[in-house]
Amino acid sequence: MRSRHVAVVANIKQSIAADADAPADALAEFDSLATVETLAAALASRGHRAAIVNADRDFFTTIRDLRPDICFNIAEGLGGDSRESHVPAILEMLGIPYTGGAVLTHAISLDKGITKQLWRDAGLPTAPFQVLRRPDDPLDPKLTFPLFVKPVREGSGMGINEHSIVHNLRDLRRQAAWVIQTYRQPAIVERYLSGREFTVGLIGNTPTPGHPRWNDLYNELGYHLFPVLEVDANIGAGKGLYNTLAKSFLPGEEGAPAYICPAPIDPGFATELQHLAIKAFEAVGGLDLGRVDFKLGRFGRPYLLEINTLPGLNPLASDMCIVSRAEGMPYETLINEILTLALDRYGLL
């Protein structure tokens, strides 16, 4: 593959100032400059010319003038209910290719309520839920306590604390009011699942008929599935919750959850989780890379919890990098496979 001019597009944490009344975890999703530089170096290691571009208020002008061959997009967006779609929308307007999910995909996957509706309508297993726009909205009688409350449009464990598991209507109203006021968005309420938690990372796309892959990394469905990761948040500072606090520790540090990969589960069950991950990914229109989270309910049944179509790529801490490392795939290979998948979609290989 020939060298490309690649813009690594990110919201760099050091350049962002949180509002005075923002929650303590307001900047949790943004990438550090060190992560962005490491990603750019991974691209450069395969001969690409990588430039770092901050997805700030001047992004439209900056990227229009730079005019790269393709963008490697990891930008989370600066605000709004479809913030992860900002960069893809601008790039599509300018006709610049980019990695990862498209505009609608990110808008859907950021909203946990819409995502779960699509999964439910597709016949995929997800726990009963309700979106509360006001704390006193009538509770769906199908929902029985205990329930779990969190913001409907946040990632990285934001808005999850020791009060997120509620056992009665009074506590539900109180936690929903806190989420709505603090994060300025609705709260999603779902049946609390007390079982084990797993994550499945994948790269790939549905293949075009007659268009073979460039290597044998991908299966007949067009995907490469990484080993299943189990996250045990009962270990560490999260005290049973895989939240922003738990995720602030690097794997192996005191305070971090236990990251077990491959998860100690039956191979047949691992395959089931991986197949469900593909279906969940395709249901929201995912492209190139994604990560799907599960929790077990009664009788060990898996339920789709969340999907991240813009998963973190911090080489030390992100789940996608943990699972690829457990498989023996170097970080440089992971990053360049994602780029190659996008180039292939645009017919640029």
Protein backbone atom coordinates (compact mmCIF):
# COMPACT_ATOMS: atom_id res chain seq x y z
CA MET A 1 0.00 0.00 0.00
CA ARG A 2 1.33 3.41 -0.92
CA SER A 3 1.99 6.17 1.59
CA ARG A 4 -0.94 8.41 2.44
CA HIS A 5 -1.33 11.86 3.93
CA VAL A 6 -3.40 11.09 7.04
CA ALA A 7 -4.90 13.65 9.39
CA VAL A 8 -5.37 12.28 12.91
CA VAL A 9 -8.44 14.19 14.07
CA ALA A 10 -9.06 14.40 17.81
CA ASN A 11 -10.39 16.57 20.58
CA ILE A 12 -7.22 17.03 22.59
CA LYS A 13 -8.00 17.15 26.29
CA GLN A 14 -5.32 19.70 27.14
CA SER A 15 -6.92 22.24 24.82
CA ILE A 16 -10.43 22.00 26.27
CA ALA A 17 -11.71 23.98 29.24
CA ALA A 18 -14.76 22.60 31.02
CA ASP A 19 -17.59 24.96 31.95
CA ALA A 20 -17.54 26.18 35.52
CA ASP A 21 -20.68 24.20 36.36
CA ALA A 22 -19.67 21.05 34.44
CA PRO A 23 -19.55 17.69 36.28
CA ALA A 24 -16.19 16.46 37.54
CA ASP A 25 -15.97 13.84 34.78
CA ALA A 26 -16.82 16.26 31.94
CA LEU A 27 -13.50 15.74 30.11
CA ALA A 28 -13.29 11.97 30.59
CA GLU A 29 -13.92 11.06 26.95
CA PHE A 30 -11.34 13.34 25.37
CA ASP A 31 -7.92 12.09 24.32
CA SER A 32 -4.62 13.21 25.73
CA LEU A 33 -2.00 14.62 23.40
CA ALA A 34 0.18 11.61 24.25
CA THR A 35 -2.47 9.20 22.92
CA VAL A 36 -2.90 11.18 19.70
CA GLU A 37 0.86 11.38 19.16
CA THR A 38 1.22 7.63 19.70
CA LEU A 39 -1.52 6.95 17.15
CA ALA A 40 0.15 9.27 14.63
CA ALA A 41 3.47 7.52 15.23
CA ALA A 42 1.80 4.14 14.57
CA LEU A 43 0.66 5.43 11.17
CA ALA A 44 4.09 6.88 10.43
CA SER A 45 5.70 3.52 11.24
CA ARG A 46 4.05 2.14 8.08
CA GLY A 47 5.22 5.01 5.91
CA HIS A 48 2.21 7.32 6.14
CA ARG A 49 2.58 11.08 6.58
CA ALA A 50 0.53 11.79 9.69
CA ALA A 51 -0.58 15.23 10.85
CA ILE A 52 -2.43 15.89 14.10
CA VAL A 53 -5.51 18.09 13.75
CA ASN A 54 -7.45 19.37 16.76
CA ALA A 55 -11.22 19.18 16.16
CA ASP A 56 -11.84 22.62 17.62
CA ARG A 57 -14.08 25.47 16.45
CA ASP A 58 -11.70 26.15 13.54
CA PHE A 59 -11.73 22.54 12.32
CA PHE A 60 -13.70 23.18 9.12
CA THR A 61 -11.18 25.71 7.84
CA THR A 62 -8.15 23.76 9.05
CA ILE A 63 -9.11 20.47 7.41
CA ARG A 64 -10.34 22.14 4.23
CA ASP A 65 -6.98 23.85 3.80
CA LEU A 66 -4.94 20.78 4.77
CA ARG A 67 -6.89 18.49 2.41
CA PRO A 68 -5.47 15.13 3.57
CA ASP A 69 -6.00 11.89 1.65
CA ILE A 70 -7.98 10.51 4.59
CA CYS A 71 -8.72 11.35 8.23
CA PHE A 72 -8.21 8.94 11.10
CA ASN A 73 -11.09 10.13 13.24
CA ILE A 74 -11.11 9.75 17.03
CA ALA A 75 -12.88 13.07 17.80
CA GLU A 76 -15.63 12.89 20.41
CA GLY A 77 -17.21 16.27 19.55
CA LEU A 78 -17.49 19.37 21.70
CA GLY A 79 -21.17 19.37 22.59
CA GLY A 80 -24.72 18.56 21.64
CA ASP A 81 -26.79 15.42 21.45
CA SER A 82 -25.01 14.19 18.28
CA ARG A 83 -21.54 15.52 19.04
CA GLU A 84 -19.70 12.44 17.77
CA SER A 85 -21.20 13.13 14.33
CA HIS A 86 -19.75 16.65 14.00
CA VAL A 87 -16.44 15.65 12.42
CA PRO A 88 -17.92 13.01 10.05
CA ALA A 89 -20.54 15.53 8.87
CA ILE A 90 -17.89 18.15 8.07
CA LEU A 91 -15.69 15.61 6.31
CA GLU A 92 -18.60 14.36 4.20
CA MET A 93 -19.46 17.94 3.26
CA LEU A 94 -15.87 18.44 2.10
CA GLY A 95 -15.61 15.04 0.42
CA ILE A 96 -12.73 13.85 2.61
CA PRO A 97 -12.62 10.11 3.48
CA TYR A 98 -12.39 9.08 7.15
CA THR A 99 -12.19 6.04 9.38
CA GLY A 100 -14.96 4.64 11.49
CA GLY A 101 -18.70 5.12 11.66
CA ALA A 102 -20.59 7.63 9.54
CA VAL A 103 -22.78 10.53 10.64
CA LEU A 104 -25.94 8.58 11.45
CA THR A 105 -24.05 5.69 13.06
CA HIS A 106 -22.42 7.90 15.68
CA ALA A 107 -25.64 9.83 16.30
CA ILE A 108 -27.44 6.56 16.99
CA SER A 109 -24.77 4.83 19.04
CA LEU A 110 -24.22 7.83 21.33
CA ASP A 111 -27.89 7.67 22.34
CA LYS A 112 -28.34 4.56 24.47
CA GLY A 113 -32.14 4.69 24.23
CA ILE A 114 -32.25 4.75 20.42
CA THR A 115 -29.55 2.08 20.24
CA LYS A 116 -31.48 -0.23 22.54
CA GLN A 117 -34.68 0.35 20.54
CA LEU A 118 -32.91 -0.76 17.36
CA TRP A 119 -31.46 -3.81 19.08
CA ARG A 120 -34.82 -4.73 20.56
CA ASP A 121 -36.57 -4.34 17.20
CA ALA A 122 -33.87 -6.52 15.61
CA GLY A 123 -34.63 -9.28 18.12
CA LEU A 124 -31.33 -8.85 19.98
CA PRO A 125 -31.20 -9.32 23.76
CA THR A 126 -31.12 -6.10 25.75
CA ALA A 127 -32.56 -5.38 29.20
CA PRO A 128 -35.93 -3.61 29.54
CA PHE A 129 -35.43 0.16 29.72
CA GLN A 130 -37.07 3.57 29.70
CA VAL A 131 -35.80 7.06 28.92
CA LEU A 132 -36.84 9.68 31.49
CA ARG A 133 -36.90 13.28 30.25
CA ARG A 134 -38.29 14.47 33.57
CA PRO A 135 -37.64 12.89 36.97
CA ASP A 136 -41.37 12.48 37.61
CA ASP A 137 -42.21 10.75 34.31
CA PRO A 138 -44.45 7.73 35.06
CA LEU A 139 -42.37 4.58 35.37
CA ASP A 140 -43.13 1.79 32.92
CA PRO A 141 -44.85 -0.92 35.01
CA LYS A 142 -42.75 -3.55 33.23
CA LEU A 143 -39.67 -2.20 35.01
CA THR A 144 -39.12 -3.72 38.42
CA PHE A 145 -36.51 -2.80 41.01
CA PRO A 146 -33.56 -2.83 41.30
CA LEU A 147 -32.93 -0.50 38.38
CA PHE A 148 -29.86 1.24 37.01
CA VAL A 149 -29.83 4.97 36.17
CA LYS A 150 -27.31 6.80 33.97
CA PRO A 151 -27.14 9.59 31.37
CA VAL A 152 -28.56 8.59 28.00
CA ARG A 153 -25.77 10.18 25.92
CA GLU A 154 -22.47 9.77 27.77
CA GLY A 155 -19.60 7.30 27.59
CA SER A 156 -16.52 6.40 29.62
CA GLY A 157 -18.65 5.57 32.65
CA MET A 158 -19.72 9.21 33.07
CA GLY A 159 -22.61 9.86 35.41
CA ILE A 160 -22.33 6.49 37.15
CA ASN A 161 -21.82 6.56 40.92
CA GLU A 162 -22.75 4.77 44.10
CA HIS A 163 -26.37 5.98 43.75
CA SER A 164 -26.87 4.60 40.20
CA ILE A 165 -28.39 1.34 41.43
CA VAL A 166 -31.81 2.21 42.85
CA HIS A 167 -34.17 0.01 44.84
CA ASN A 168 -37.29 2.17 45.14
CA LEU A 169 -39.18 4.94 43.39
CA ARG A 170 -37.91 7.70 45.70
CA ASP A 171 -34.27 6.91 44.99
CA LEU A 172 -35.01 6.55 41.27
CA ARG A 173 -36.54 10.05 41.15
CA ARG A 174 -33.62 11.51 43.06
CA GLN A 175 -30.94 9.93 40.86
CA ALA A 176 -32.80 10.74 37.64
CA ALA A 177 -33.12 14.38 38.73
CA TRP A 178 -29.38 14.51 39.43
CA VAL A 179 -28.49 13.02 36.04
CA ILE A 180 -30.88 15.33 34.12
CA GLN A 181 -29.69 18.45 35.92
CA THR A 182 -25.97 17.62 35.99
CA TYR A 183 -25.56 16.29 32.46
CA ARG A 184 -28.32 18.36 30.80
CA GLN A 185 -29.86 15.36 29.09
CA PRO A 186 -32.40 12.62 29.79
CA ALA A 187 -31.65 9.67 32.04
CA ILE A 188 -31.97 6.08 30.88
CA VAL A 189 -33.34 3.59 33.39
CA GLU A 190 -32.91 -0.12 32.80
CA ARG A 191 -33.20 -3.36 34.67
CA TYR A 192 -30.12 -3.81 36.82
CA LEU A 193 -28.06 -6.77 35.68
CA SER A 194 -25.93 -8.15 38.47
CA GLY A 195 -23.95 -10.70 36.48
CA ARG A 196 -20.48 -10.71 34.95
CA GLU A 197 -19.47 -8.02 32.46
CA PHE A 198 -17.80 -8.69 29.11
CA THR A 199 -16.52 -6.67 26.17
CA VAL A 200 -16.05 -7.76 22.56
CA GLY A 201 -13.85 -5.71 20.26
CA LEU A 202 -13.96 -6.10 16.50
CA ILE A 203 -12.58 -4.63 13.31
CA GLY A 204 -13.96 -5.15 9.83
CA ASN A 205 -16.87 -4.48 7.51
CA THR A 206 -19.50 -6.48 5.68
CA PRO A 207 -17.67 -7.63 2.55
CA THR A 208 -18.66 -6.58 -0.94
CA PRO A 209 -19.46 -9.64 -3.09
CA GLY A 210 -16.51 -10.57 -5.26
CA HIS A 211 -14.20 -8.24 -3.38
CA PRO A 212 -11.72 -10.31 -1.34
CA ARG A 213 -9.90 -9.05 1.76
CA TRP A 214 -6.20 -8.25 1.53
CA ASN A 215 -5.30 -10.87 4.15
CA ASP A 216 -6.82 -13.80 6.05
CA LEU A 217 -7.33 -11.87 9.29
CA TYR A 218 -11.07 -11.53 8.63
CA ASN A 219 -13.78 -14.19 8.75
CA GLU A 220 -16.38 -14.97 6.10
CA LEU A 221 -18.63 -12.21 7.50
CA GLY A 222 -15.85 -9.65 7.00
CA TYR A 223 -14.82 -9.24 10.65
CA HIS A 224 -11.94 -9.97 12.94
CA LEU A 225 -13.13 -10.69 16.48
CA PHE A 226 -10.72 -10.17 19.34
CA PRO A 227 -10.73 -12.43 22.42
CA VAL A 228 -13.56 -11.70 24.84
CA LEU A 229 -12.53 -9.41 27.71
CA GLU A 230 -14.04 -9.76 31.17
CA VAL A 231 -14.06 -6.65 33.36
CA ASP A 232 -14.38 -7.29 37.09
CA ALA A 233 -15.19 -3.93 38.65
CA ASN A 234 -15.66 -5.52 42.07
CA ILE A 235 -11.89 -5.16 42.24
CA GLY A 236 -10.57 -1.62 42.46
CA ALA A 237 -11.83 1.88 43.16
CA GLY A 238 -15.11 1.47 41.28
CA LYS A 239 -16.51 -0.75 44.06
CA GLY A 240 -18.54 -2.81 41.62
CA LEU A 241 -19.16 -0.04 39.09
CA TYR A 242 -17.22 0.29 35.84
CA ASN A 243 -17.35 4.08 35.94
CA THR A 244 -15.06 7.03 35.22
CA LEU A 245 -13.22 6.55 38.50
CA ALA A 246 -12.52 2.88 37.76
CA LYS A 247 -11.40 3.74 34.21
CA SER A 248 -9.00 6.43 35.44
CA PHE A 249 -6.52 3.74 36.54
CA LEU A 250 -4.25 1.93 34.11
CA PRO A 251 -4.60 -1.86 34.00
CA GLY A 252 -2.56 -3.37 36.78
CA GLU A 253 -2.52 -0.22 38.90
CA GLU A 254 -3.92 -0.27 42.40
CA GLY A 255 -7.51 0.91 42.04
CA ALA A 256 -8.01 -0.52 38.55
CA PRO A 257 -10.63 -3.18 37.81
CA ALA A 258 -9.43 -6.64 36.86
CA TYR A 259 -9.12 -6.99 33.07
CA ILE A 260 -9.13 -10.68 32.16
CA CYS A 261 -8.48 -11.53 28.52
CA PRO A 262 -9.23 -14.04 27.20
CA ALA A 263 -12.17 -14.27 29.61
CA PRO A 264 -12.42 -17.60 31.46
CA ILE A 265 -15.57 -18.77 29.69
CA ASP A 266 -16.62 -21.71 27.56
CA PRO A 267 -15.47 -21.33 23.92
CA GLY A 268 -19.03 -21.79 22.71
CA PHE A 269 -20.22 -18.94 24.91
CA ALA A 270 -17.36 -16.74 23.68
CA THR A 271 -18.48 -17.42 20.10
CA GLU A 272 -22.06 -16.53 21.03
CA LEU A 273 -20.92 -13.17 22.43
CA GLN A 274 -18.83 -12.49 19.34
CA HIS A 275 -21.71 -13.26 16.98
CA LEU A 276 -24.04 -11.02 18.99
CA ALA A 277 -21.42 -8.27 18.81
CA ILE A 278 -21.43 -8.43 15.01
CA LYS A 279 -25.24 -8.22 14.91
CA ALA A 280 -25.26 -5.31 17.36
CA PHE A 281 -22.57 -3.52 15.34
CA GLU A 282 -24.38 -3.97 12.05
CA ALA A 283 -27.73 -2.92 13.55
CA VAL A 284 -26.39 0.61 14.12
CA GLY A 285 -24.42 0.75 10.86
CA GLY A 286 -20.95 0.42 12.38
CA LEU A 287 -17.86 0.65 10.17
CA ASP A 288 -14.22 -0.38 10.55
CA LEU A 289 -14.06 -0.81 14.33
CA GLY A 290 -16.28 -1.10 17.36
CA ARG A 291 -16.64 -2.43 20.87
CA VAL A 292 -19.76 -4.05 22.31
CA ASP A 293 -20.41 -4.42 26.04
CA PHE A 294 -22.46 -7.19 27.69
CA LYS A 295 -23.72 -8.03 31.15
CA LEU A 296 -25.19 -11.30 32.27
CA GLY A 297 -28.65 -11.51 33.74
CA ARG A 298 -30.61 -14.38 35.17
CA PHE A 299 -29.40 -17.88 34.34
CA GLY A 300 -26.24 -16.44 32.82
CA ARG A 301 -28.07 -15.02 29.80
CA PRO A 302 -26.10 -12.27 27.99
CA TYR A 303 -27.68 -8.87 27.40
CA LEU A 304 -26.33 -6.13 25.14
CA LEU A 305 -25.41 -3.23 27.37
CA GLU A 306 -23.80 -0.57 25.18
CA ILE A 307 -21.87 -0.13 21.95
CA ASN A 308 -19.00 2.21 21.19
CA THR A 309 -18.57 2.93 17.49
CA LEU A 310 -15.78 5.36 18.38
CA PRO A 311 -13.85 3.27 20.92
CA GLY A 312 -10.82 4.65 22.70
CA LEU A 313 -7.40 3.83 21.27
CA ASN A 314 -5.17 4.71 24.18
CA PRO A 315 -2.47 2.03 23.80
CA LEU A 316 -2.21 1.44 27.55
CA ALA A 317 -5.73 1.82 28.88
CA SER A 318 -8.40 1.39 26.21
CA ASP A 319 -10.35 -1.86 26.06
CA MET A 320 -9.78 -2.20 22.29
CA CYS A 321 -6.03 -2.08 22.87
CA ILE A 322 -6.21 -4.47 25.82
CA VAL A 323 -7.96 -7.12 23.71
CA SER A 324 -5.71 -6.67 20.68
CA ARG A 325 -2.63 -6.86 22.90
CA ALA A 326 -3.97 -10.03 24.55
CA GLU A 327 -4.23 -11.58 21.10
CA GLY A 328 -0.68 -10.57 20.27
CA MET A 329 -1.56 -7.89 17.71
CA PRO A 330 0.85 -4.94 17.97
CA TYR A 331 -0.66 -1.48 18.36
CA GLU A 332 0.83 -0.41 15.04
CA THR A 333 -0.93 -3.29 13.29
CA LEU A 334 -4.30 -2.49 14.90
CA ILE A 335 -4.15 1.18 13.88
CA ASN A 336 -3.05 0.47 10.33
CA GLU A 337 -5.65 -2.26 9.84
CA ILE A 338 -8.34 0.29 10.78
CA LEU A 339 -6.90 2.74 8.26
CA THR A 340 -6.75 0.04 5.58
CA LEU A 341 -10.37 -0.94 6.20
CA ALA A 342 -11.45 2.67 5.60
CA LEU A 343 -9.25 3.05 2.50
CA ASP A 344 -10.78 -0.15 1.14
CA ARG A 345 -14.33 1.14 1.69
CA TYR A 346 -13.51 4.27 -0.30
CA GLY A 347 -11.82 2.29 -3.09
CA LEU A 348 -8.44 3.82 -2.30
CA LEU A 349 -6.30 0.70 -1.86
